[in-house]
N, C-alpha and C. Protein backbone atom coordinates (compact mmCIF):
# COMPACT_ATOMS: atom_id res chain seq x y z
N MET A 1 -64.82 17.18 -122.40
CA MET A 1 -65.79 17.67 -121.44
C MET A 1 -65.04 18.13 -120.21
N SER A 2 -65.40 19.30 -119.69
CA SER A 2 -64.72 19.82 -118.52
C SER A 2 -65.11 19.01 -117.29
N GLY A 3 -64.31 19.17 -116.24
CA GLY A 3 -64.60 18.46 -114.99
C GLY A 3 -65.96 18.84 -114.43
N GLU A 4 -66.30 20.14 -114.53
CA GLU A 4 -67.60 20.60 -114.03
C GLU A 4 -68.73 19.99 -114.84
N ALA A 5 -68.55 19.95 -116.17
CA ALA A 5 -69.59 19.38 -117.04
C ALA A 5 -69.76 17.89 -116.77
N GLU A 6 -68.64 17.18 -116.57
CA GLU A 6 -68.72 15.75 -116.25
C GLU A 6 -69.44 15.53 -114.93
N ALA A 7 -69.14 16.37 -113.94
CA ALA A 7 -69.79 16.24 -112.64
C ALA A 7 -71.30 16.50 -112.76
N ALA A 8 -71.66 17.53 -113.55
CA ALA A 8 -73.08 17.83 -113.75
C ALA A 8 -73.78 16.69 -114.47
N THR A 9 -73.11 16.13 -115.48
CA THR A 9 -73.68 15.00 -116.21
C THR A 9 -73.86 13.80 -115.28
N ALA A 10 -72.86 13.53 -114.47
CA ALA A 10 -72.95 12.41 -113.53
C ALA A 10 -74.08 12.63 -112.54
N ARG A 11 -74.20 13.88 -112.01
CA ARG A 11 -75.28 14.17 -111.06
C ARG A 11 -76.64 13.97 -111.71
N SER A 12 -76.81 14.47 -112.95
CA SER A 12 -78.11 14.32 -113.60
C SER A 12 -78.37 12.85 -113.92
N GLY A 13 -77.32 12.10 -114.27
CA GLY A 13 -77.47 10.67 -114.53
C GLY A 13 -77.85 9.92 -113.27
N ILE A 14 -77.23 10.29 -112.15
CA ILE A 14 -77.55 9.65 -110.87
C ILE A 14 -78.98 9.97 -110.48
N ALA A 15 -79.40 11.22 -110.73
CA ALA A 15 -80.78 11.60 -110.43
C ALA A 15 -81.75 10.79 -111.29
N ALA A 16 -81.40 10.59 -112.56
CA ALA A 16 -82.26 9.80 -113.45
C ALA A 16 -82.38 8.37 -112.96
N VAL A 17 -81.25 7.82 -112.49
CA VAL A 17 -81.26 6.45 -111.96
C VAL A 17 -82.14 6.39 -110.72
N ALA A 18 -81.99 7.37 -109.83
CA ALA A 18 -82.79 7.40 -108.60
C ALA A 18 -84.27 7.56 -108.93
N ASP A 19 -84.58 8.47 -109.88
CA ASP A 19 -85.97 8.66 -110.28
C ASP A 19 -86.55 7.38 -110.84
N TYR A 20 -85.78 6.69 -111.66
CA TYR A 20 -86.25 5.45 -112.27
C TYR A 20 -86.49 4.39 -111.19
N ALA A 21 -85.58 4.28 -110.24
CA ALA A 21 -85.70 3.28 -109.19
C ALA A 21 -86.92 3.56 -108.30
N ASP A 22 -87.26 4.85 -108.11
CA ASP A 22 -88.37 5.22 -107.24
C ASP A 22 -89.73 5.16 -107.93
N ARG A 23 -89.75 5.01 -109.23
CA ARG A 23 -91.02 5.10 -109.95
C ARG A 23 -91.92 3.91 -109.64
N GLY A 24 -93.19 4.14 -109.82
CA GLY A 24 -94.16 3.06 -109.65
C GLY A 24 -94.21 2.22 -110.91
N GLU A 25 -94.76 1.04 -110.83
CA GLU A 25 -94.86 0.14 -111.98
C GLU A 25 -95.72 0.72 -113.09
N LYS A 26 -96.68 1.61 -112.75
CA LYS A 26 -97.61 2.15 -113.74
C LYS A 26 -96.97 3.24 -114.60
N GLU A 27 -95.91 3.90 -114.10
CA GLU A 27 -95.27 4.96 -114.87
C GLU A 27 -94.53 4.37 -116.04
N SER A 28 -94.40 5.17 -117.08
CA SER A 28 -93.79 4.62 -118.29
C SER A 28 -92.52 5.34 -118.70
N ARG A 29 -91.72 5.78 -117.74
CA ARG A 29 -90.43 6.37 -118.07
C ARG A 29 -89.46 5.28 -118.46
N PRO A 30 -88.69 5.49 -119.54
CA PRO A 30 -87.76 4.45 -119.96
C PRO A 30 -86.59 4.30 -118.98
N SER A 31 -86.07 3.10 -118.91
CA SER A 31 -84.90 2.82 -118.10
C SER A 31 -83.69 3.52 -118.70
N PRO A 32 -82.77 4.03 -117.89
CA PRO A 32 -81.54 4.64 -118.42
C PRO A 32 -80.74 3.66 -119.30
N ILE A 33 -80.82 2.38 -119.00
CA ILE A 33 -80.11 1.40 -119.83
C ILE A 33 -80.79 1.29 -121.19
N ASP A 34 -82.12 1.28 -121.23
CA ASP A 34 -82.85 1.22 -122.50
C ASP A 34 -82.54 2.47 -123.35
N VAL A 35 -82.46 3.62 -122.69
CA VAL A 35 -82.14 4.86 -123.39
C VAL A 35 -80.72 4.78 -123.97
N HIS A 36 -79.78 4.26 -123.18
CA HIS A 36 -78.40 4.13 -123.65
C HIS A 36 -78.31 3.18 -124.85
N VAL A 37 -78.93 2.02 -124.73
CA VAL A 37 -78.91 1.05 -125.84
C VAL A 37 -79.53 1.69 -127.09
N GLY A 38 -80.63 2.41 -126.92
CA GLY A 38 -81.26 3.08 -128.05
C GLY A 38 -80.36 4.12 -128.70
N SER A 39 -79.63 4.85 -127.87
CA SER A 39 -78.73 5.87 -128.43
C SER A 39 -77.59 5.22 -129.21
N ARG A 40 -77.15 4.04 -128.77
CA ARG A 40 -76.10 3.31 -129.50
C ARG A 40 -76.64 2.75 -130.82
N ILE A 41 -77.91 2.33 -130.83
CA ILE A 41 -78.54 1.89 -132.09
C ILE A 41 -78.56 3.07 -133.06
N ARG A 42 -79.01 4.23 -132.58
CA ARG A 42 -79.09 5.42 -133.43
C ARG A 42 -77.70 5.82 -133.93
N LEU A 43 -76.70 5.78 -133.05
CA LEU A 43 -75.33 6.15 -133.44
C LEU A 43 -74.84 5.26 -134.58
N ARG A 44 -74.96 3.97 -134.42
CA ARG A 44 -74.46 3.05 -135.44
C ARG A 44 -75.24 3.18 -136.75
N ARG A 45 -76.56 3.30 -136.65
CA ARG A 45 -77.38 3.45 -137.85
C ARG A 45 -76.97 4.70 -138.60
N THR A 46 -76.77 5.79 -137.88
CA THR A 46 -76.40 7.06 -138.50
C THR A 46 -75.01 6.99 -139.11
N LEU A 47 -74.07 6.37 -138.40
CA LEU A 47 -72.72 6.23 -138.95
C LEU A 47 -72.71 5.42 -140.24
N MET A 48 -73.63 4.49 -140.35
CA MET A 48 -73.72 3.68 -141.57
C MET A 48 -74.52 4.39 -142.67
N GLY A 49 -75.11 5.55 -142.36
CA GLY A 49 -75.91 6.27 -143.34
C GLY A 49 -77.22 5.57 -143.64
N MET A 50 -77.73 4.85 -142.67
CA MET A 50 -78.95 4.06 -142.86
C MET A 50 -80.14 4.81 -142.26
N SER A 51 -81.25 4.82 -142.97
CA SER A 51 -82.46 5.46 -142.45
C SER A 51 -83.17 4.52 -141.47
N GLN A 52 -84.05 5.10 -140.68
CA GLN A 52 -84.86 4.28 -139.77
C GLN A 52 -85.74 3.33 -140.57
N GLU A 53 -86.22 3.78 -141.72
CA GLU A 53 -87.06 2.92 -142.55
C GLU A 53 -86.28 1.71 -143.05
N ARG A 54 -85.05 1.95 -143.52
CA ARG A 54 -84.25 0.85 -144.04
C ARG A 54 -83.89 -0.14 -142.94
N LEU A 55 -83.55 0.36 -141.74
CA LEU A 55 -83.26 -0.53 -140.62
C LEU A 55 -84.51 -1.32 -140.27
N GLY A 56 -85.66 -0.65 -140.24
CA GLY A 56 -86.91 -1.33 -139.95
C GLY A 56 -87.21 -2.43 -140.94
N GLU A 57 -86.99 -2.17 -142.22
CA GLU A 57 -87.22 -3.18 -143.25
C GLU A 57 -86.32 -4.40 -143.03
N ALA A 58 -85.06 -4.15 -142.69
CA ALA A 58 -84.10 -5.25 -142.47
C ALA A 58 -84.50 -6.10 -141.27
N LEU A 59 -85.20 -5.48 -140.32
CA LEU A 59 -85.61 -6.18 -139.10
C LEU A 59 -87.06 -6.65 -139.14
N GLY A 60 -87.79 -6.26 -140.18
CA GLY A 60 -89.21 -6.59 -140.25
C GLY A 60 -90.05 -5.74 -139.32
N LEU A 61 -89.64 -4.47 -139.16
CA LEU A 61 -90.33 -3.53 -138.27
C LEU A 61 -90.72 -2.28 -139.05
N THR A 62 -91.58 -1.47 -138.45
CA THR A 62 -91.88 -0.16 -139.02
C THR A 62 -90.84 0.83 -138.51
N PHE A 63 -90.72 1.96 -139.19
CA PHE A 63 -89.76 2.95 -138.73
C PHE A 63 -90.17 3.52 -137.37
N GLN A 64 -91.48 3.49 -137.07
CA GLN A 64 -91.94 3.97 -135.76
C GLN A 64 -91.42 3.06 -134.64
N GLN A 65 -91.38 1.75 -134.90
CA GLN A 65 -90.84 0.84 -133.89
C GLN A 65 -89.35 1.08 -133.70
N VAL A 66 -88.63 1.36 -134.78
CA VAL A 66 -87.20 1.68 -134.67
C VAL A 66 -87.03 2.95 -133.85
N GLN A 67 -87.87 3.96 -134.09
CA GLN A 67 -87.82 5.20 -133.32
C GLN A 67 -88.00 4.92 -131.83
N LYS A 68 -88.94 4.07 -131.49
CA LYS A 68 -89.19 3.75 -130.08
C LYS A 68 -88.00 3.05 -129.46
N TYR A 69 -87.35 2.15 -130.20
CA TYR A 69 -86.13 1.52 -129.69
C TYR A 69 -85.05 2.57 -129.46
N GLU A 70 -84.88 3.48 -130.42
CA GLU A 70 -83.82 4.48 -130.34
C GLU A 70 -84.04 5.46 -129.19
N ARG A 71 -85.27 5.72 -128.84
CA ARG A 71 -85.55 6.62 -127.71
C ARG A 71 -85.58 5.89 -126.37
N GLY A 72 -85.54 4.57 -126.42
CA GLY A 72 -85.57 3.78 -125.20
C GLY A 72 -86.97 3.55 -124.68
N VAL A 73 -87.99 3.95 -125.44
CA VAL A 73 -89.37 3.77 -125.03
C VAL A 73 -89.72 2.28 -125.01
N ASN A 74 -89.30 1.56 -126.05
CA ASN A 74 -89.49 0.11 -126.10
C ASN A 74 -88.18 -0.58 -125.75
N ARG A 75 -88.27 -1.60 -124.93
CA ARG A 75 -87.08 -2.38 -124.60
C ARG A 75 -86.69 -3.26 -125.77
N VAL A 76 -85.38 -3.46 -125.91
CA VAL A 76 -84.87 -4.32 -126.97
C VAL A 76 -84.61 -5.69 -126.35
N GLY A 77 -85.35 -6.69 -126.80
CA GLY A 77 -85.16 -8.04 -126.30
C GLY A 77 -83.87 -8.67 -126.82
N ALA A 78 -83.51 -9.79 -126.26
CA ALA A 78 -82.26 -10.46 -126.62
C ALA A 78 -82.20 -10.84 -128.09
N SER A 79 -83.28 -11.43 -128.61
CA SER A 79 -83.25 -11.84 -130.02
C SER A 79 -83.22 -10.64 -130.94
N ARG A 80 -83.91 -9.56 -130.58
CA ARG A 80 -83.89 -8.34 -131.40
C ARG A 80 -82.50 -7.70 -131.34
N LEU A 81 -81.86 -7.73 -130.17
CA LEU A 81 -80.51 -7.19 -130.04
C LEU A 81 -79.54 -7.98 -130.93
N PHE A 82 -79.73 -9.29 -130.97
CA PHE A 82 -78.92 -10.14 -131.84
C PHE A 82 -79.13 -9.75 -133.31
N ASP A 83 -80.39 -9.57 -133.71
CA ASP A 83 -80.70 -9.16 -135.08
C ASP A 83 -80.08 -7.80 -135.40
N LEU A 84 -80.20 -6.86 -134.45
CA LEU A 84 -79.62 -5.53 -134.64
C LEU A 84 -78.11 -5.60 -134.83
N SER A 85 -77.46 -6.45 -134.03
CA SER A 85 -76.00 -6.56 -134.13
C SER A 85 -75.60 -7.10 -135.50
N ASN A 86 -76.40 -8.01 -136.05
CA ASN A 86 -76.11 -8.54 -137.38
C ASN A 86 -76.35 -7.50 -138.47
N VAL A 87 -77.48 -6.83 -138.42
CA VAL A 87 -77.82 -5.84 -139.44
C VAL A 87 -76.86 -4.65 -139.40
N LEU A 88 -76.50 -4.22 -138.19
CA LEU A 88 -75.62 -3.07 -138.05
C LEU A 88 -74.14 -3.45 -138.04
N ASN A 89 -73.87 -4.75 -138.13
CA ASN A 89 -72.50 -5.27 -138.24
C ASN A 89 -71.61 -4.84 -137.07
N VAL A 90 -72.11 -5.04 -135.86
CA VAL A 90 -71.34 -4.76 -134.64
C VAL A 90 -71.57 -5.90 -133.66
N PRO A 91 -70.63 -6.10 -132.72
CA PRO A 91 -70.89 -7.11 -131.69
C PRO A 91 -71.98 -6.61 -130.73
N ILE A 92 -72.64 -7.51 -130.07
CA ILE A 92 -73.70 -7.13 -129.14
C ILE A 92 -73.16 -6.19 -128.05
N SER A 93 -71.93 -6.38 -127.66
CA SER A 93 -71.34 -5.53 -126.61
C SER A 93 -71.30 -4.06 -127.02
N PHE A 94 -71.32 -3.78 -128.33
CA PHE A 94 -71.31 -2.40 -128.81
C PHE A 94 -72.43 -1.58 -128.18
N PHE A 95 -73.58 -2.19 -127.99
CA PHE A 95 -74.75 -1.47 -127.49
C PHE A 95 -74.60 -1.07 -126.03
N PHE A 96 -73.63 -1.68 -125.33
CA PHE A 96 -73.40 -1.36 -123.93
C PHE A 96 -72.10 -0.59 -123.71
N ASP A 97 -71.34 -0.37 -124.79
CA ASP A 97 -70.11 0.42 -124.68
C ASP A 97 -70.44 1.81 -124.17
N ASP A 98 -69.54 2.36 -123.38
CA ASP A 98 -69.68 3.71 -122.83
C ASP A 98 -70.88 3.86 -121.89
N LEU A 99 -71.40 2.76 -121.37
CA LEU A 99 -72.50 2.84 -120.41
C LEU A 99 -71.96 3.51 -119.15
N PRO A 100 -72.58 4.59 -118.70
CA PRO A 100 -72.08 5.28 -117.52
C PRO A 100 -72.00 4.33 -116.31
N ALA A 101 -70.93 4.42 -115.56
CA ALA A 101 -70.68 3.50 -114.44
C ALA A 101 -71.82 3.55 -113.42
N HIS A 102 -72.35 4.75 -113.14
CA HIS A 102 -73.42 4.84 -112.13
C HIS A 102 -74.67 4.10 -112.59
N VAL A 103 -74.92 4.04 -113.89
CA VAL A 103 -76.08 3.29 -114.39
C VAL A 103 -75.81 1.80 -114.29
N ALA A 104 -74.63 1.38 -114.71
CA ALA A 104 -74.27 -0.04 -114.65
C ALA A 104 -74.30 -0.53 -113.20
N ASN A 105 -73.80 0.28 -112.29
CA ASN A 105 -73.78 -0.12 -110.88
C ASN A 105 -75.17 -0.16 -110.27
N ALA A 106 -76.00 0.80 -110.65
CA ALA A 106 -77.35 0.86 -110.07
C ALA A 106 -78.24 -0.26 -110.58
N PHE A 107 -78.07 -0.65 -111.83
CA PHE A 107 -78.95 -1.65 -112.42
C PHE A 107 -78.32 -3.02 -112.53
N GLY A 108 -77.02 -3.13 -112.28
CA GLY A 108 -76.35 -4.40 -112.41
C GLY A 108 -75.93 -4.98 -111.08
N THR A 109 -76.56 -4.55 -109.99
CA THR A 109 -76.10 -4.96 -108.66
C THR A 109 -76.18 -6.45 -108.44
N GLN A 110 -77.18 -7.13 -109.00
CA GLN A 110 -77.26 -8.57 -108.80
C GLN A 110 -76.20 -9.31 -109.60
N ASN A 111 -75.57 -8.65 -110.56
CA ASN A 111 -74.54 -9.27 -111.38
C ASN A 111 -73.17 -8.66 -111.13
N THR A 112 -72.96 -8.06 -109.99
CA THR A 112 -71.70 -7.40 -109.72
C THR A 112 -70.66 -8.40 -109.25
N SER A 113 -69.49 -8.29 -109.83
CA SER A 113 -68.37 -9.11 -109.40
C SER A 113 -67.84 -8.53 -108.10
N LEU A 114 -67.81 -9.32 -107.05
CA LEU A 114 -67.34 -8.83 -105.76
C LEU A 114 -65.87 -8.44 -105.81
N ALA A 115 -65.11 -9.13 -106.63
CA ALA A 115 -63.68 -8.85 -106.69
C ALA A 115 -63.40 -7.50 -107.34
N SER A 116 -64.12 -7.19 -108.42
CA SER A 116 -63.80 -5.97 -109.16
C SER A 116 -64.76 -4.83 -108.89
N GLY A 117 -65.94 -5.13 -108.36
CA GLY A 117 -66.94 -4.09 -108.15
C GLY A 117 -67.56 -3.61 -109.45
N ARG A 118 -67.31 -4.31 -110.55
CA ARG A 118 -67.85 -3.93 -111.85
C ARG A 118 -69.08 -4.77 -112.16
N ALA A 119 -69.96 -4.21 -112.96
CA ALA A 119 -71.12 -4.96 -113.40
C ALA A 119 -70.67 -5.97 -114.45
N VAL A 120 -70.96 -7.23 -114.23
CA VAL A 120 -70.58 -8.28 -115.16
C VAL A 120 -71.57 -8.27 -116.31
N GLY A 121 -71.07 -8.44 -117.52
CA GLY A 121 -71.95 -8.50 -118.67
C GLY A 121 -72.00 -7.22 -119.46
N PHE A 122 -71.55 -6.13 -118.91
CA PHE A 122 -71.50 -4.88 -119.65
C PHE A 122 -70.11 -4.70 -120.24
N ALA A 123 -70.06 -4.10 -121.39
CA ALA A 123 -68.77 -3.87 -122.04
C ALA A 123 -67.91 -2.97 -121.16
N ASP A 124 -66.61 -3.18 -121.23
CA ASP A 124 -65.70 -2.33 -120.46
C ASP A 124 -65.86 -0.89 -120.91
N ALA A 125 -65.76 0.00 -119.95
CA ALA A 125 -65.87 1.42 -120.27
C ALA A 125 -64.70 1.82 -121.16
N GLN A 126 -64.98 2.66 -122.13
CA GLN A 126 -63.94 3.13 -123.01
C GLN A 126 -63.76 4.61 -122.78
N ASP A 127 -62.58 5.11 -123.14
CA ASP A 127 -62.33 6.54 -123.02
C ASP A 127 -63.26 7.27 -123.96
N ALA A 128 -64.02 8.19 -123.42
CA ALA A 128 -64.93 8.98 -124.24
C ALA A 128 -64.16 10.13 -124.87
N PHE A 129 -64.58 10.54 -126.06
CA PHE A 129 -63.97 11.70 -126.69
C PHE A 129 -64.42 12.93 -125.94
N ALA A 130 -63.48 13.83 -125.68
CA ALA A 130 -63.79 15.02 -124.91
C ALA A 130 -64.87 15.85 -125.59
N ASP A 131 -64.87 15.90 -126.92
CA ASP A 131 -65.84 16.73 -127.62
C ASP A 131 -66.94 15.90 -128.27
N ASP A 132 -67.07 14.64 -127.89
CA ASP A 132 -68.10 13.75 -128.42
C ASP A 132 -68.08 13.75 -129.95
N ALA A 133 -66.93 13.40 -130.51
CA ALA A 133 -66.70 13.47 -131.95
C ALA A 133 -67.71 12.69 -132.78
N PHE A 134 -68.25 11.60 -132.25
CA PHE A 134 -69.16 10.79 -133.04
C PHE A 134 -70.51 11.45 -133.28
N SER A 135 -70.85 12.45 -132.51
CA SER A 135 -72.14 13.11 -132.72
C SER A 135 -72.02 14.34 -133.61
N ARG A 136 -70.80 14.66 -134.03
CA ARG A 136 -70.61 15.83 -134.89
C ARG A 136 -70.89 15.49 -136.35
N ARG A 137 -71.52 16.41 -137.05
CA ARG A 137 -71.87 16.21 -138.46
C ARG A 137 -70.62 15.94 -139.31
N GLU A 138 -69.55 16.65 -139.02
CA GLU A 138 -68.30 16.48 -139.77
C GLU A 138 -67.80 15.04 -139.72
N THR A 139 -67.90 14.41 -138.56
CA THR A 139 -67.46 13.03 -138.40
C THR A 139 -68.33 12.10 -139.25
N LEU A 140 -69.63 12.31 -139.18
CA LEU A 140 -70.54 11.47 -139.97
C LEU A 140 -70.28 11.61 -141.46
N GLU A 141 -70.08 12.84 -141.91
CA GLU A 141 -69.81 13.06 -143.33
C GLU A 141 -68.49 12.41 -143.75
N LEU A 142 -67.48 12.50 -142.88
CA LEU A 142 -66.19 11.89 -143.18
C LEU A 142 -66.31 10.37 -143.28
N VAL A 143 -67.01 9.76 -142.34
CA VAL A 143 -67.17 8.30 -142.34
C VAL A 143 -67.95 7.86 -143.58
N ARG A 144 -69.01 8.58 -143.90
CA ARG A 144 -69.81 8.23 -145.07
C ARG A 144 -68.99 8.35 -146.35
N ALA A 145 -68.22 9.46 -146.47
CA ALA A 145 -67.39 9.66 -147.67
C ALA A 145 -66.35 8.56 -147.78
N TYR A 146 -65.76 8.18 -146.66
CA TYR A 146 -64.75 7.13 -146.64
C TYR A 146 -65.33 5.82 -147.17
N TYR A 147 -66.50 5.44 -146.71
CA TYR A 147 -67.10 4.18 -147.13
C TYR A 147 -67.69 4.23 -148.54
N ARG A 148 -67.81 5.44 -149.11
CA ARG A 148 -68.26 5.54 -150.50
C ARG A 148 -67.12 5.33 -151.49
N ILE A 149 -65.87 5.30 -151.01
CA ILE A 149 -64.73 5.04 -151.89
C ILE A 149 -64.81 3.57 -152.30
N PRO A 150 -65.00 3.30 -153.59
CA PRO A 150 -65.26 1.92 -154.02
C PRO A 150 -64.04 1.00 -153.97
N ASP A 151 -62.86 1.55 -154.14
CA ASP A 151 -61.64 0.74 -154.20
C ASP A 151 -61.05 0.58 -152.79
N ALA A 152 -60.99 -0.67 -152.33
CA ALA A 152 -60.48 -0.95 -150.98
C ALA A 152 -59.03 -0.49 -150.79
N ALA A 153 -58.23 -0.60 -151.84
CA ALA A 153 -56.83 -0.17 -151.74
C ALA A 153 -56.74 1.34 -151.56
N VAL A 154 -57.58 2.07 -152.26
CA VAL A 154 -57.60 3.53 -152.12
C VAL A 154 -58.08 3.91 -150.73
N ARG A 155 -59.13 3.23 -150.25
CA ARG A 155 -59.61 3.48 -148.89
C ARG A 155 -58.50 3.27 -147.88
N LYS A 156 -57.74 2.20 -148.02
CA LYS A 156 -56.64 1.89 -147.10
C LYS A 156 -55.58 2.99 -147.15
N ARG A 157 -55.25 3.47 -148.36
CA ARG A 157 -54.24 4.54 -148.48
C ARG A 157 -54.75 5.83 -147.84
N MET A 158 -56.04 6.13 -148.00
CA MET A 158 -56.62 7.32 -147.36
C MET A 158 -56.55 7.18 -145.83
N PHE A 159 -56.87 6.00 -145.35
CA PHE A 159 -56.81 5.75 -143.91
C PHE A 159 -55.38 5.97 -143.40
N ASP A 160 -54.41 5.39 -144.10
CA ASP A 160 -53.01 5.54 -143.70
C ASP A 160 -52.56 7.00 -143.75
N LEU A 161 -53.01 7.73 -144.78
CA LEU A 161 -52.66 9.15 -144.90
C LEU A 161 -53.20 9.95 -143.72
N ILE A 162 -54.47 9.76 -143.42
CA ILE A 162 -55.09 10.50 -142.31
C ILE A 162 -54.41 10.13 -140.99
N LYS A 163 -54.14 8.86 -140.80
CA LYS A 163 -53.45 8.44 -139.58
C LYS A 163 -52.08 9.09 -139.46
N SER A 164 -51.35 9.18 -140.58
CA SER A 164 -50.01 9.76 -140.54
C SER A 164 -50.05 11.25 -140.22
N MET A 165 -51.17 11.92 -140.50
CA MET A 165 -51.29 13.35 -140.26
C MET A 165 -51.73 13.67 -138.83
N SER A 166 -52.24 12.70 -138.13
CA SER A 166 -52.74 12.96 -136.78
C SER A 166 -51.65 12.68 -135.76
N PRO A 167 -51.71 13.36 -134.61
CA PRO A 167 -50.70 13.13 -133.58
C PRO A 167 -50.82 11.71 -133.01
N GLU A 168 -49.70 11.19 -132.56
CA GLU A 168 -49.67 9.87 -131.95
C GLU A 168 -50.44 9.90 -130.63
N LEU A 169 -51.23 8.88 -130.38
CA LEU A 169 -51.93 8.76 -129.11
C LEU A 169 -51.05 8.01 -128.12
N PRO A 170 -50.96 8.50 -126.88
CA PRO A 170 -50.19 7.76 -125.88
C PRO A 170 -50.87 6.45 -125.55
N GLU A 171 -50.08 5.43 -125.29
CA GLU A 171 -50.67 4.11 -124.99
C GLU A 171 -50.77 3.84 -123.54
């Protein structure tokens, strides 16, 4: 993402946070955190090749309820988040990974560590892919094809081959 695009995204995110903070109790706009958690649910479900219906069945929900969680319309409670982490096979912190700093700061002020200025309880920010590789169809197809390989040894060799073909990442 270019510097200008990042700045525009940050500005629109800050505006969303401000709009949310200014809203009345009667309005029903979702919290930016609920929207982020929902997008992470959708990301993981899609990467696993799981339908909303199948996720709903595993959780004892309808696919419409899963849709509402994914859009951030319905808040995900602690026990439901725990269930989601088990069904989707990720740690609970996964749902807060890549949470924009301005959102974490605006909504995590009562839990801010004075020493670090970071919101406590949110996963550490990770380097985002410049081209948002996880949302590309090619990435999803590659991940699905990889997990369809039945032999674990063959999967490991494919992983090693692909790794050997890619440039080294600086540490």
